[in-house]
Amino acid sequence: MFPGQKFDVDVQRSELSDLCGVVGMKTLLIYPSGLKIKDQATGLTLNNFPFSVVRRFGVRQDEFYFEVGRRFSQGEGFIRVRVDGTCTTKELHKTATSFLNSYTEKNKKTKL
């Protein structure tokens, strides 16, 4: 069983999304240690974005976005997505925030 949540999204064009090959209709998975983008047709993972490389994320107008830093294997930049009608960008943001908070708490405990 998958320990996260799945969202059908339309990944918008950006320098990073083009470089990662994730533009178009995809599945965004938010899981305990990061974000993952999969191809909807094949189910293949196209890219992983561990929370350790995610600088920030949020909602701007009708898009959810996240920024990765230079430690990401493909370099730094933004990924912007629009959600389909089954959820809202605010729901997606709330889910990502919940998982990031859990990730942060877990890592604080392991560093003590």
C-alpha atoms as a PDB file:
ATOM      1  CA  MET A   1       0.000   0.000   0.000  1.00  0.00           C
ATOM      2  CA  PHE A   2       1.273   3.464  -0.930  1.00  0.00           C
ATOM      3  CA  PRO A   3       1.961   5.572   2.223  1.00  0.00           C
ATOM      4  CA  GLY A   4       1.141   8.892   0.589  1.00  0.00           C
ATOM      5  CA  GLN A   5      -1.342  10.630  -1.676  1.00  0.00           C
ATOM      6  CA  LYS A   6      -1.728  10.779  -5.441  1.00  0.00           C
ATOM      7  CA  PHE A   7      -2.892  13.740  -7.502  1.00  0.00           C
ATOM      8  CA  ASP A   8      -3.540  13.934 -11.235  1.00  0.00           C
ATOM      9  CA  VAL A   9      -1.812  17.102 -12.401  1.00  0.00           C
ATOM     10  CA  ASP A  10      -0.851  19.032 -15.511  1.00  0.00           C
ATOM     11  CA  VAL A  11       2.829  19.939 -15.145  1.00  0.00           C
ATOM     12  CA  GLN A  12       3.470  23.347 -16.689  1.00  0.00           C
ATOM     13  CA  ARG A  13       6.471  24.188 -18.836  1.00  0.00           C
ATOM     14  CA  SER A  14       9.535  25.592 -17.108  1.00  0.00           C
ATOM     15  CA  GLU A  15      13.240  25.201 -17.628  1.00  0.00           C
ATOM     16  CA  LEU A  16      13.407  22.503 -14.945  1.00  0.00           C
ATOM     17  CA  SER A  17      10.243  20.625 -15.953  1.00  0.00           C
ATOM     18  CA  ASP A  18      11.505  20.506 -19.554  1.00  0.00           C
ATOM     19  CA  LEU A  19      14.912  19.274 -18.371  1.00  0.00           C
ATOM     20  CA  CYS A  20      13.289  16.586 -16.191  1.00  0.00           C
ATOM     21  CA  GLY A  21      10.903  15.507 -18.971  1.00  0.00           C
ATOM     22  CA  VAL A  22       7.806  15.895 -16.810  1.00  0.00           C
ATOM     23  CA  VAL A  23       5.674  18.375 -18.796  1.00  0.00           C
ATOM     24  CA  GLY A  24       2.028  17.479 -19.376  1.00  0.00           C
ATOM     25  CA  MET A  25      -0.539  15.258 -17.670  1.00  0.00           C
ATOM     26  CA  LYS A  26       1.206  13.306 -14.901  1.00  0.00           C
ATOM     27  CA  THR A  27       0.599  11.830 -11.459  1.00  0.00           C
ATOM     28  CA  LEU A  28       2.130  13.703  -8.537  1.00  0.00           C
ATOM     29  CA  LEU A  29       2.733  11.534  -5.495  1.00  0.00           C
ATOM     30  CA  ILE A  30       3.379  13.119  -2.139  1.00  0.00           C
ATOM     31  CA  TYR A  31       4.969  10.631   0.193  1.00  0.00           C
ATOM     32  CA  PRO A  32       6.737  10.744   3.588  1.00  0.00           C
ATOM     33  CA  SER A  33      10.146  11.758   2.234  1.00  0.00           C
ATOM     34  CA  GLY A  34       9.308  13.834  -0.839  1.00  0.00           C
ATOM     35  CA  LEU A  35       7.500  14.277  -4.118  1.00  0.00           C
ATOM     36  CA  LYS A  36       7.475  11.973  -7.114  1.00  0.00           C
ATOM     37  CA  ILE A  37       6.168  12.529 -10.646  1.00  0.00           C
ATOM     38  CA  LYS A  38       4.964   9.511 -12.609  1.00  0.00           C
ATOM     39  CA  ASP A  39       3.752   9.037 -16.154  1.00  0.00           C
ATOM     40  CA  GLN A  40      -0.016   8.462 -16.072  1.00  0.00           C
ATOM     41  CA  ALA A  41      -0.032   6.018 -18.986  1.00  0.00           C
ATOM     42  CA  THR A  42       2.875   3.765 -17.976  1.00  0.00           C
ATOM     43  CA  GLY A  43       3.105   4.357 -14.231  1.00  0.00           C
ATOM     44  CA  LEU A  44       6.857   4.815 -14.568  1.00  0.00           C
ATOM     45  CA  THR A  45       8.551   7.226 -12.192  1.00  0.00           C
ATOM     46  CA  LEU A  46       9.917  10.152 -14.173  1.00  0.00           C
ATOM     47  CA  ASN A  47      11.556  11.992 -11.294  1.00  0.00           C
ATOM     48  CA  ASN A  48      11.920  12.046  -7.508  1.00  0.00           C
ATOM     49  CA  PHE A  49      12.163  15.246  -5.503  1.00  0.00           C
ATOM     50  CA  PRO A  50      13.234  14.384  -1.935  1.00  0.00           C
ATOM     51  CA  PHE A  51      12.237  16.952   0.700  1.00  0.00           C
ATOM     52  CA  SER A  52      15.967  17.380   1.371  1.00  0.00           C
ATOM     53  CA  VAL A  53      16.307  19.245  -1.967  1.00  0.00           C
ATOM     54  CA  VAL A  54      12.956  21.080  -1.904  1.00  0.00           C
ATOM     55  CA  ARG A  55      13.553  24.691  -0.880  1.00  0.00           C
ATOM     56  CA  ARG A  56       9.905  25.708  -0.651  1.00  0.00           C
ATOM     57  CA  PHE A  57       6.479  25.122  -2.110  1.00  0.00           C
ATOM     58  CA  GLY A  58       3.186  26.937  -2.219  1.00  0.00           C
ATOM     59  CA  VAL A  59       0.129  28.001  -4.156  1.00  0.00           C
ATOM     60  CA  ARG A  60       0.094  30.858  -6.631  1.00  0.00           C
ATOM     61  CA  GLN A  61      -3.219  31.597  -8.344  1.00  0.00           C
ATOM     62  CA  ASP A  62      -4.456  28.203  -9.569  1.00  0.00           C
ATOM     63  CA  GLU A  63      -1.085  26.418  -9.455  1.00  0.00           C
ATOM     64  CA  PHE A  64       0.851  24.446  -6.866  1.00  0.00           C
ATOM     65  CA  TYR A  65       4.591  24.967  -7.207  1.00  0.00           C
ATOM     66  CA  PHE A  66       7.748  23.703  -5.603  1.00  0.00           C
ATOM     67  CA  GLU A  67      11.317  24.891  -5.913  1.00  0.00           C
ATOM     68  CA  VAL A  68      14.323  22.593  -5.715  1.00  0.00           C
ATOM     69  CA  GLY A  69      17.843  23.705  -4.920  1.00  0.00           C
ATOM     70  CA  ARG A  70      21.146  23.082  -6.625  1.00  0.00           C
ATOM     71  CA  ARG A  71      21.650  19.797  -4.746  1.00  0.00           C
ATOM     72  CA  PHE A  72      18.922  18.285  -6.938  1.00  0.00           C
ATOM     73  CA  SER A  73      20.491  16.013  -9.562  1.00  0.00           C
ATOM     74  CA  GLN A  74      19.061  18.066 -12.458  1.00  0.00           C
ATOM     75  CA  GLY A  75      19.867  21.453 -10.916  1.00  0.00           C
ATOM     76  CA  GLU A  76      17.739  24.127  -9.317  1.00  0.00           C
ATOM     77  CA  GLY A  77      14.421  25.512 -10.505  1.00  0.00           C
ATOM     78  CA  PHE A  78      10.643  25.436 -10.192  1.00  0.00           C
ATOM     79  CA  ILE A  79       8.013  22.850 -11.032  1.00  0.00           C
ATOM     80  CA  ARG A  80       4.471  24.228 -11.399  1.00  0.00           C
ATOM     81  CA  VAL A  81       1.367  22.045 -11.633  1.00  0.00           C
ATOM     82  CA  ARG A  82      -2.354  22.527 -12.131  1.00  0.00           C
ATOM     83  CA  VAL A  83      -4.667  19.978 -10.563  1.00  0.00           C
ATOM     84  CA  ASP A  84      -7.598  18.305 -12.235  1.00  0.00           C
ATOM     85  CA  GLY A  85     -11.156  18.737 -10.932  1.00  0.00           C
ATOM     86  CA  THR A  86     -10.911  16.020  -8.258  1.00  0.00           C
ATOM     87  CA  CYS A  87      -9.120  18.288  -5.760  1.00  0.00           C
ATOM     88  CA  THR A  88      -7.929  21.842  -5.300  1.00  0.00           C
ATOM     89  CA  THR A  89      -4.457  23.325  -5.188  1.00  0.00           C
ATOM     90  CA  LYS A  90      -5.095  24.141  -1.526  1.00  0.00           C
ATOM     91  CA  GLU A  91      -5.758  20.455  -0.766  1.00  0.00           C
ATOM     92  CA  LEU A  92      -2.532  19.509  -2.542  1.00  0.00           C
ATOM     93  CA  HIS A  93      -0.641  22.186  -0.587  1.00  0.00           C
ATOM     94  CA  LYS A  94      -2.148  21.007   2.714  1.00  0.00           C
ATOM     95  CA  THR A  95      -1.056  17.428   1.992  1.00  0.00           C
ATOM     96  CA  ALA A  96       2.483  18.485   1.046  1.00  0.00           C
ATOM     97  CA  THR A  97       2.740  20.638   4.191  1.00  0.00           C
ATOM     98  CA  SER A  98       1.599  17.751   6.380  1.00  0.00           C
ATOM     99  CA  PHE A  99       4.169  15.355   4.910  1.00  0.00           C
ATOM    100  CA  LEU A 100       6.963  17.955   5.063  1.00  0.00           C
ATOM    101  CA  ASN A 101       6.198  18.695   8.721  1.00  0.00           C
ATOM    102  CA  SER A 102       6.348  14.965   9.526  1.00  0.00           C
ATOM    103  CA  TYR A 103       9.609  14.639   7.577  1.00  0.00           C
ATOM    104  CA  THR A 104      11.126  17.618   9.416  1.00  0.00           C
ATOM    105  CA  GLU A 105      10.094  16.293  12.833  1.00  0.00           C
ATOM    106  CA  LYS A 106      11.459  12.833  12.049  1.00  0.00           C
ATOM    107  CA  ASN A 107      14.802  14.277  10.935  1.00  0.00           C
ATOM    108  CA  LYS A 108      15.070  16.485  14.019  1.00  0.00           C
ATOM    109  CA  LYS A 109      14.643  13.423  16.232  1.00  0.00           C
ATOM    110  CA  THR A 110      17.283  11.404  14.359  1.00  0.00           C
ATOM    111  CA  LYS A 111      19.824  14.253  14.648  1.00  0.00           C
ATOM    112  CA  LEU A 112      19.453  14.486  18.440  1.00  0.00           C
END
